[in-house]
Amino acid sequence: MLIAIDYDNTYTVDPKLWDRFIHDAKTNGHVVKIVTMRYPHEVIIDAPCDVIYTSRQAKVKIFKADVWIDDSPHWIFQDVV
């Protein structure tokens, strides 16, 4: 399974929880990525897995996931205007 986790206000709310989740998911053979609306120059340095930057574009345009975990799911399908 390919799992996408939002960074700001999702991962950042409880990093220890998400670190355990990411570790367990990877141990069970899943792929986990942080997918953020940030631009690449807005670097995330403490991510426990690869980070995909969408540059304010709808996340689904840039990355295809089986499961999305996001506090603002409308950004999965909507660009920032």
PDB file of N, CA and C in Angstrom:
ATOM      1  N   MET A   1       0.845  -1.168   0.000  1.00  0.00           N
ATOM      2  CA  MET A   1       0.000   0.000   0.000  1.00  0.00           C
ATOM      3  C   MET A   1       0.897   1.240   0.000  1.00  0.00           C
ATOM      4  N   LEU A   2       0.497   2.255  -0.733  1.00  0.00           N
ATOM      5  CA  LEU A   2       1.210   3.524  -0.798  1.00  0.00           C
ATOM      6  C   LEU A   2       0.433   4.545   0.035  1.00  0.00           C
ATOM      7  N   ILE A   3       1.065   5.043   1.095  1.00  0.00           N
ATOM      8  CA  ILE A   3       0.401   5.905   2.062  1.00  0.00           C
ATOM      9  C   ILE A   3       1.026   7.297   2.014  1.00  0.00           C
ATOM     10  N   ALA A   4       0.175   8.327   1.911  1.00  0.00           N
ATOM     11  CA  ALA A   4       0.615   9.720   1.906  1.00  0.00           C
ATOM     12  C   ALA A   4       0.136  10.394   3.186  1.00  0.00           C
ATOM     13  N   ILE A   5       1.065  11.014   3.894  1.00  0.00           N
ATOM     14  CA  ILE A   5       0.731  11.736   5.116  1.00  0.00           C
ATOM     15  C   ILE A   5       1.068  13.210   4.912  1.00  0.00           C
ATOM     16  N   ASP A   6       0.100  14.060   5.196  1.00  0.00           N
ATOM     17  CA  ASP A   6       0.326  15.504   5.167  1.00  0.00           C
ATOM     18  C   ASP A   6       1.307  15.871   6.286  1.00  0.00           C
ATOM     19  N   TYR A   7       2.047  16.949   6.082  1.00  0.00           N
ATOM     20  CA  TYR A   7       3.034  17.357   7.090  1.00  0.00           C
ATOM     21  C   TYR A   7       2.457  18.378   8.080  1.00  0.00           C
ATOM     22  N   ASP A   8       2.170  19.592   7.597  1.00  0.00           N
ATOM     23  CA  ASP A   8       1.722  20.667   8.485  1.00  0.00           C
ATOM     24  C   ASP A   8       0.334  20.371   9.046  1.00  0.00           C
ATOM     25  N   ASN A   9       0.231  20.420  10.351  1.00  0.00           N
ATOM     26  CA  ASN A   9      -1.027  20.193  11.074  1.00  0.00           C
ATOM     27  C   ASN A   9      -1.554  18.758  10.966  1.00  0.00           C
ATOM     28  N   THR A  10      -0.737  17.858  10.485  1.00  0.00           N
ATOM     29  CA  THR A  10      -1.058  16.429  10.562  1.00  0.00           C
ATOM     30  C   THR A  10       0.137  15.755  11.232  1.00  0.00           C
ATOM     31  N   TYR A  11       1.220  15.552  10.489  1.00  0.00           N
ATOM     32  CA  TYR A  11       2.422  14.968  11.102  1.00  0.00           C
ATOM     33  C   TYR A  11       2.893  15.820  12.279  1.00  0.00           C
ATOM     34  N   THR A  12       2.894  17.145  12.101  1.00  0.00           N
ATOM     35  CA  THR A  12       3.450  18.031  13.126  1.00  0.00           C
ATOM     36  C   THR A  12       2.654  18.061  14.429  1.00  0.00           C
ATOM     37  N   VAL A  13       1.414  17.627  14.408  1.00  0.00           N
ATOM     38  CA  VAL A  13       0.592  17.630  15.619  1.00  0.00           C
ATOM     39  C   VAL A  13       1.086  16.592  16.629  1.00  0.00           C
ATOM     40  N   ASP A  14       1.563  15.453  16.124  1.00  0.00           N
ATOM     41  CA  ASP A  14       2.045  14.390  17.015  1.00  0.00           C
ATOM     42  C   ASP A  14       3.111  13.565  16.302  1.00  0.00           C
ATOM     43  N   PRO A  15       4.312  14.135  16.143  1.00  0.00           N
ATOM     44  CA  PRO A  15       5.366  13.434  15.400  1.00  0.00           C
ATOM     45  C   PRO A  15       5.704  12.047  15.947  1.00  0.00           C
ATOM     46  N   LYS A  16       5.678  11.873  17.251  1.00  0.00           N
ATOM     47  CA  LYS A  16       6.010  10.555  17.813  1.00  0.00           C
ATOM     48  C   LYS A  16       5.004   9.497  17.366  1.00  0.00           C
ATOM     49  N   LEU A  17       3.735   9.859  17.346  1.00  0.00           N
ATOM     50  CA  LEU A  17       2.699   8.937  16.859  1.00  0.00           C
ATOM     51  C   LEU A  17       2.952   8.555  15.407  1.00  0.00           C
ATOM     52  N   TRP A  18       3.183   9.557  14.564  1.00  0.00           N
ATOM     53  CA  TRP A  18       3.372   9.296  13.131  1.00  0.00           C
ATOM     54  C   TRP A  18       4.683   8.570  12.869  1.00  0.00           C
ATOM     55  N   ASP A  19       5.719   8.847  13.668  1.00  0.00           N
ATOM     56  CA  ASP A  19       6.973   8.101  13.512  1.00  0.00           C
ATOM     57  C   ASP A  19       6.743   6.610  13.766  1.00  0.00           C
ATOM     58  N   ARG A  20       5.979   6.291  14.803  1.00  0.00           N
ATOM     59  CA  ARG A  20       5.672   4.871  15.087  1.00  0.00           C
ATOM     60  C   ARG A  20       4.845   4.274  13.956  1.00  0.00           C
ATOM     61  N   PHE A  21       3.843   5.038  13.485  1.00  0.00           N
ATOM     62  CA  PHE A  21       3.000   4.558  12.392  1.00  0.00           C
ATOM     63  C   PHE A  21       3.841   4.295  11.143  1.00  0.00           C
ATOM     64  N   ILE A  22       4.696   5.245  10.789  1.00  0.00           N
ATOM     65  CA  ILE A  22       5.532   5.101   9.594  1.00  0.00           C
ATOM     66  C   ILE A  22       6.460   3.901   9.745  1.00  0.00           C
ATOM     67  N   HIS A  23       7.081   3.758  10.893  1.00  0.00           N
ATOM     68  CA  HIS A  23       7.956   2.612  11.136  1.00  0.00           C
ATOM     69  C   HIS A  23       7.198   1.300  10.966  1.00  0.00           C
ATOM     70  N   ASP A  24       6.040   1.205  11.617  1.00  0.00           N
ATOM     71  CA  ASP A  24       5.243  -0.030  11.529  1.00  0.00           C
ATOM     72  C   ASP A  24       4.769  -0.295  10.101  1.00  0.00           C
ATOM     73  N   ALA A  25       4.341   0.749   9.401  1.00  0.00           N
ATOM     74  CA  ALA A  25       3.881   0.579   8.020  1.00  0.00           C
ATOM     75  C   ALA A  25       5.016   0.057   7.140  1.00  0.00           C
ATOM     76  N   LYS A  26       6.193   0.662   7.276  1.00  0.00           N
ATOM     77  CA  LYS A  26       7.347   0.211   6.485  1.00  0.00           C
ATOM     78  C   LYS A  26       7.729  -1.223   6.840  1.00  0.00           C
ATOM     79  N   THR A  27       7.690  -1.567   8.131  1.00  0.00           N
ATOM     80  CA  THR A  27       8.006  -2.925   8.580  1.00  0.00           C
ATOM     81  C   THR A  27       7.065  -3.935   7.935  1.00  0.00           C
ATOM     82  N   ASN A  28       5.832  -3.531   7.717  1.00  0.00           N
ATOM     83  CA  ASN A  28       4.831  -4.408   7.105  1.00  0.00           C
ATOM     84  C   ASN A  28       4.827  -4.326   5.577  1.00  0.00           C
ATOM     85  N   GLY A  29       5.823  -3.674   4.999  1.00  0.00           N
ATOM     86  CA  GLY A  29       5.989  -3.672   3.554  1.00  0.00           C
ATOM     87  C   GLY A  29       5.297  -2.544   2.809  1.00  0.00           C
ATOM     88  N   HIS A  30       4.767  -1.566   3.536  1.00  0.00           N
ATOM     89  CA  HIS A  30       4.100  -0.444   2.884  1.00  0.00           C
ATOM     90  C   HIS A  30       5.101   0.671   2.594  1.00  0.00           C
ATOM     91  N   VAL A  31       4.741   1.551   1.690  1.00  0.00           N
ATOM     92  CA  VAL A  31       5.558   2.714   1.351  1.00  0.00           C
ATOM     93  C   VAL A  31       4.836   3.939   1.886  1.00  0.00           C
ATOM     94  N   VAL A  32       5.566   4.768   2.632  1.00  0.00           N
ATOM     95  CA  VAL A  32       4.980   5.971   3.225  1.00  0.00           C
ATOM     96  C   VAL A  32       5.778   7.179   2.764  1.00  0.00           C
ATOM     97  N   LYS A  33       5.062   8.217   2.364  1.00  0.00           N
ATOM     98  CA  LYS A  33       5.669   9.489   1.952  1.00  0.00           C
ATOM     99  C   LYS A  33       4.950  10.626   2.667  1.00  0.00           C
ATOM    100  N   ILE A  34       5.699  11.657   2.991  1.00  0.00           N
ATOM    101  CA  ILE A  34       5.098  12.921   3.402  1.00  0.00           C
ATOM    102  C   ILE A  34       4.776  13.659   2.109  1.00  0.00           C
ATOM    103  N   VAL A  35       3.533  14.112   1.960  1.00  0.00           N
ATOM    104  CA  VAL A  35       3.138  14.873   0.772  1.00  0.00           C
ATOM    105  C   VAL A  35       2.609  16.214   1.261  1.00  0.00           C
ATOM    106  N   THR A  36       3.283  17.284   0.854  1.00  0.00           N
ATOM    107  CA  THR A  36       2.987  18.617   1.352  1.00  0.00           C
ATOM    108  C   THR A  36       2.734  19.597   0.218  1.00  0.00           C
ATOM    109  N   MET A  37       1.930  20.606   0.505  1.00  0.00           N
ATOM    110  CA  MET A  37       1.661  21.670  -0.466  1.00  0.00           C
ATOM    111  C   MET A  37       2.820  22.664  -0.542  1.00  0.00           C
ATOM    112  N   ARG A  38       3.806  22.516   0.303  1.00  0.00           N
ATOM    113  CA  ARG A  38       4.940  23.441   0.311  1.00  0.00           C
ATOM    114  C   ARG A  38       5.693  23.412  -1.016  1.00  0.00           C
ATOM    115  N   TYR A  39       6.439  24.499  -1.239  1.00  0.00           N
ATOM    116  CA  TYR A  39       7.404  24.540  -2.341  1.00  0.00           C
ATOM    117  C   TYR A  39       8.686  23.850  -1.880  1.00  0.00           C
ATOM    118  N   PRO A  40       9.491  23.346  -2.807  1.00  0.00           N
ATOM    119  CA  PRO A  40      10.732  22.666  -2.416  1.00  0.00           C
ATOM    120  C   PRO A  40      11.685  23.531  -1.588  1.00  0.00           C
ATOM    121  N   HIS A  41      11.655  24.846  -1.782  1.00  0.00           N
ATOM    122  CA  HIS A  41      12.551  25.702  -0.989  1.00  0.00           C
ATOM    123  C   HIS A  41      12.065  25.856   0.459  1.00  0.00           C
ATOM    124  N   GLU A  42      10.847  25.398   0.756  1.00  0.00           N
ATOM    125  CA  GLU A  42      10.323  25.397   2.128  1.00  0.00           C
ATOM    126  C   GLU A  42      10.627  24.025   2.746  1.00  0.00           C
ATOM    127  N   VAL A  43      11.887  23.759   2.895  1.00  0.00           N
ATOM    128  CA  VAL A  43      12.400  22.423   3.197  1.00  0.00           C
ATOM    129  C   VAL A  43      11.909  21.903   4.550  1.00  0.00           C
ATOM    130  N   ILE A  44      11.532  20.647   4.557  1.00  0.00           N
ATOM    131  CA  ILE A  44      11.218  19.913   5.783  1.00  0.00           C
ATOM    132  C   ILE A  44      12.452  19.088   6.109  1.00  0.00           C
ATOM    133  N   ILE A  45      13.056  19.373   7.242  1.00  0.00           N
ATOM    134  CA  ILE A  45      14.331  18.707   7.565  1.00  0.00           C
ATOM    135  C   ILE A  45      14.184  17.538   8.532  1.00  0.00           C
ATOM    136  N   ASP A  46      13.045  17.432   9.218  1.00  0.00           N
ATOM    137  CA  ASP A  46      12.914  16.405  10.245  1.00  0.00           C
ATOM    138  C   ASP A  46      11.975  15.261   9.855  1.00  0.00           C
ATOM    139  N   ALA A  47      11.700  15.121   8.583  1.00  0.00           N
ATOM    140  CA  ALA A  47      10.766  14.085   8.124  1.00  0.00           C
ATOM    141  C   ALA A  47      11.381  12.695   8.272  1.00  0.00           C
ATOM    142  N   PRO A  48      10.585  11.734   8.718  1.00  0.00           N
ATOM    143  CA  PRO A  48      11.079  10.371   8.899  1.00  0.00           C
ATOM    144  C   PRO A  48      11.015   9.521   7.628  1.00  0.00           C
ATOM    145  N   CYS A  49      10.643  10.146   6.514  1.00  0.00           N
ATOM    146  CA  CYS A  49      10.556   9.435   5.236  1.00  0.00           C
ATOM    147  C   CYS A  49      10.705  10.467   4.114  1.00  0.00           C
ATOM    148  N   ASP A  50      10.650  10.016   2.887  1.00  0.00           N
ATOM    149  CA  ASP A  50      10.769  10.930   1.747  1.00  0.00           C
ATOM    150  C   ASP A  50       9.644  11.953   1.755  1.00  0.00           C
ATOM    151  N   VAL A  51       9.968  13.156   1.267  1.00  0.00           N
ATOM    152  CA  VAL A  51       8.991  14.245   1.196  1.00  0.00           C
ATOM    153  C   VAL A  51       8.725  14.586  -0.263  1.00  0.00           C
ATOM    154  N   ILE A  52       7.449  14.699  -0.604  1.00  0.00           N
ATOM    155  CA  ILE A  52       7.012  15.121  -1.931  1.00  0.00           C
ATOM    156  C   ILE A  52       6.447  16.536  -1.785  1.00  0.00           C
ATOM    157  N   TYR A  53       7.010  17.485  -2.516  1.00  0.00           N
ATOM    158  CA  TYR A  53       6.562  18.873  -2.492  1.00  0.00           C
ATOM    159  C   TYR A  53       5.700  19.130  -3.719  1.00  0.00           C
ATOM    160  N   THR A  54       4.484  19.646  -3.525  1.00  0.00           N
ATOM    161  CA  THR A  54       3.579  19.840  -4.663  1.00  0.00           C
ATOM    162  C   THR A  54       3.542  21.283  -5.164  1.00  0.00           C
ATOM    163  N   SER A  55       4.247  22.181  -4.510  1.00  0.00           N
ATOM    164  CA  SER A  55       4.316  23.583  -4.939  1.00  0.00           C
ATOM    165  C   SER A  55       2.929  24.197  -5.097  1.00  0.00           C
ATOM    166  N   ARG A  56       2.082  23.954  -4.128  1.00  0.00           N
ATOM    167  CA  ARG A  56       0.721  24.498  -4.036  1.00  0.00           C
ATOM    168  C   ARG A  56      -0.249  23.910  -5.063  1.00  0.00           C
ATOM    169  N   GLN A  57       0.149  22.851  -5.719  1.00  0.00           N
ATOM    170  CA  GLN A  57      -0.761  22.159  -6.625  1.00  0.00           C
ATOM    171  C   GLN A  57      -1.497  21.066  -5.866  1.00  0.00           C
ATOM    172  N   ALA A  58      -2.644  20.670  -6.389  1.00  0.00           N
ATOM    173  CA  ALA A  58      -3.396  19.570  -5.788  1.00  0.00           C
ATOM    174  C   ALA A  58      -2.463  18.370  -5.641  1.00  0.00           C
ATOM    175  N   LYS A  59      -2.480  17.762  -4.499  1.00  0.00           N
ATOM    176  CA  LYS A  59      -1.547  16.676  -4.206  1.00  0.00           C
ATOM    177  C   LYS A  59      -1.705  15.504  -5.163  1.00  0.00           C
ATOM    178  N   VAL A  60      -2.930  15.208  -5.547  1.00  0.00           N
ATOM    179  CA  VAL A  60      -3.178  14.068  -6.425  1.00  0.00           C
ATOM    180  C   VAL A  60      -2.591  14.285  -7.823  1.00  0.00           C
ATOM    181  N   LYS A  61      -2.348  15.525  -8.209  1.00  0.00           N
ATOM    182  CA  LYS A  61      -1.707  15.806  -9.507  1.00  0.00           C
ATOM    183  C   LYS A  61      -0.246  15.379  -9.512  1.00  0.00           C
ATOM    184  N   ILE A  62       0.374  15.386  -8.344  1.00  0.00           N
ATOM    185  CA  ILE A  62       1.808  15.152  -8.227  1.00  0.00           C
ATOM    186  C   ILE A  62       2.121  13.740  -7.740  1.00  0.00           C
ATOM    187  N   PHE A  63       1.224  13.181  -6.947  1.00  0.00           N
ATOM    188  CA  PHE A  63       1.505  11.904  -6.292  1.00  0.00           C
ATOM    189  C   PHE A  63       0.239  11.054  -6.261  1.00  0.00           C
ATOM    190  N   LYS A  64       0.388   9.794  -6.486  1.00  0.00           N
ATOM    191  CA  LYS A  64      -0.736   8.852  -6.442  1.00  0.00           C
ATOM    192  C   LYS A  64      -0.573   7.966  -5.217  1.00  0.00           C
ATOM    193  N   ALA A  65      -1.542   8.012  -4.323  1.00  0.00           N
ATOM    194  CA  ALA A  65      -1.483   7.207  -3.100  1.00  0.00           C
ATOM    195  C   ALA A  65      -2.724   6.333  -3.002  1.00  0.00           C
ATOM    196  N   ASP A  66      -2.590   5.245  -2.294  1.00  0.00           N
ATOM    197  CA  ASP A  66      -3.738   4.397  -1.987  1.00  0.00           C
ATOM    198  C   ASP A  66      -4.517   4.957  -0.800  1.00  0.00           C
ATOM    199  N   VAL A  67      -3.776   5.541   0.149  1.00  0.00           N
ATOM    200  CA  VAL A  67      -4.389   6.094   1.361  1.00  0.00           C
ATOM    201  C   VAL A  67      -3.812   7.484   1.589  1.00  0.00           C
ATOM    202  N   TRP A  68      -4.703   8.442   1.829  1.00  0.00           N
ATOM    203  CA  TRP A  68      -4.311   9.816   2.144  1.00  0.00           C
ATOM    204  C   TRP A  68      -4.666  10.098   3.592  1.00  0.00           C
ATOM    205  N   ILE A  69      -3.717  10.656   4.348  1.00  0.00           N
ATOM    206  CA  ILE A  69      -3.975  11.092   5.718  1.00  0.00           C
ATOM    207  C   ILE A  69      -3.679  12.588   5.739  1.00  0.00           C
ATOM    208  N   ASP A  70      -4.731  13.390   5.908  1.00  0.00           N
ATOM    209  CA  ASP A  70      -4.598  14.833   5.734  1.00  0.00           C
ATOM    210  C   ASP A  70      -5.644  15.556   6.564  1.00  0.00           C
ATOM    211  N   ASP A  71      -5.231  16.592   7.285  1.00  0.00           N
ATOM    212  CA  ASP A  71      -6.177  17.362   8.088  1.00  0.00           C
ATOM    213  C   ASP A  71      -7.072  18.257   7.232  1.00  0.00           C
ATOM    214  N   SER A  72      -6.660  18.528   6.009  1.00  0.00           N
ATOM    215  CA  SER A  72      -7.440  19.348   5.073  1.00  0.00           C
ATOM    216  C   SER A  72      -7.546  18.610   3.741  1.00  0.00           C
ATOM    217  N   PRO A  73      -8.407  17.610   3.673  1.00  0.00           N
ATOM    218  CA  PRO A  73      -8.430  16.735   2.501  1.00  0.00           C
ATOM    219  C   PRO A  73      -8.799  17.423   1.192  1.00  0.00           C
ATOM    220  N   HIS A  74      -9.389  18.604   1.248  1.00  0.00           N
ATOM    221  CA  HIS A  74      -9.698  19.295  -0.014  1.00  0.00           C
ATOM    222  C   HIS A  74      -8.423  19.623  -0.792  1.00  0.00           C
ATOM    223  N   TRP A  75      -7.276  19.784  -0.103  1.00  0.00           N
ATOM    224  CA  TRP A  75      -6.021  20.080  -0.813  1.00  0.00           C
ATOM    225  C   TRP A  75      -5.476  18.876  -1.577  1.00  0.00           C
ATOM    226  N   ILE A  76      -6.017  17.725  -1.323  1.00  0.00           N
ATOM    227  CA  ILE A  76      -5.615  16.562  -2.116  1.00  0.00           C
ATOM    228  C   ILE A  76      -6.057  16.759  -3.570  1.00  0.00           C
ATOM    229  N   PHE A  77      -7.204  17.409  -3.756  1.00  0.00           N
ATOM    230  CA  PHE A  77      -7.801  17.555  -5.091  1.00  0.00           C
ATOM    231  C   PHE A  77      -7.835  18.987  -5.610  1.00  0.00           C
ATOM    232  N   GLN A  78      -7.470  19.954  -4.797  1.00  0.00           N
ATOM    233  CA  GLN A  78      -7.624  21.352  -5.173  1.00  0.00           C
ATOM    234  C   GLN A  78      -6.297  22.098  -5.100  1.00  0.00           C
ATOM    235  N   ASP A  79      -5.985  22.865  -6.149  1.00  0.00           N
ATOM    236  CA  ASP A  79      -4.811  23.748  -6.128  1.00  0.00           C
ATOM    237  C   ASP A  79      -5.074  24.937  -5.211  1.00  0.00           C
ATOM    238  N   VAL A  80      -3.991  25.516  -4.689  1.00  0.00           N
ATOM    239  CA  VAL A  80      -4.106  26.785  -3.984  1.00  0.00           C
ATOM    240  C   VAL A  80      -4.201  27.870  -5.045  1.00  0.00           C
ATOM    241  N   VAL A  81      -5.159  28.730  -4.912  1.00  0.00           N
ATOM    242  CA  VAL A  81      -5.371  29.773  -5.936  1.00  0.00           C
ATOM    243  C   VAL A  81      -4.526  30.983  -5.618  1.00  0.00           C
TER     244      VAL A  81
END
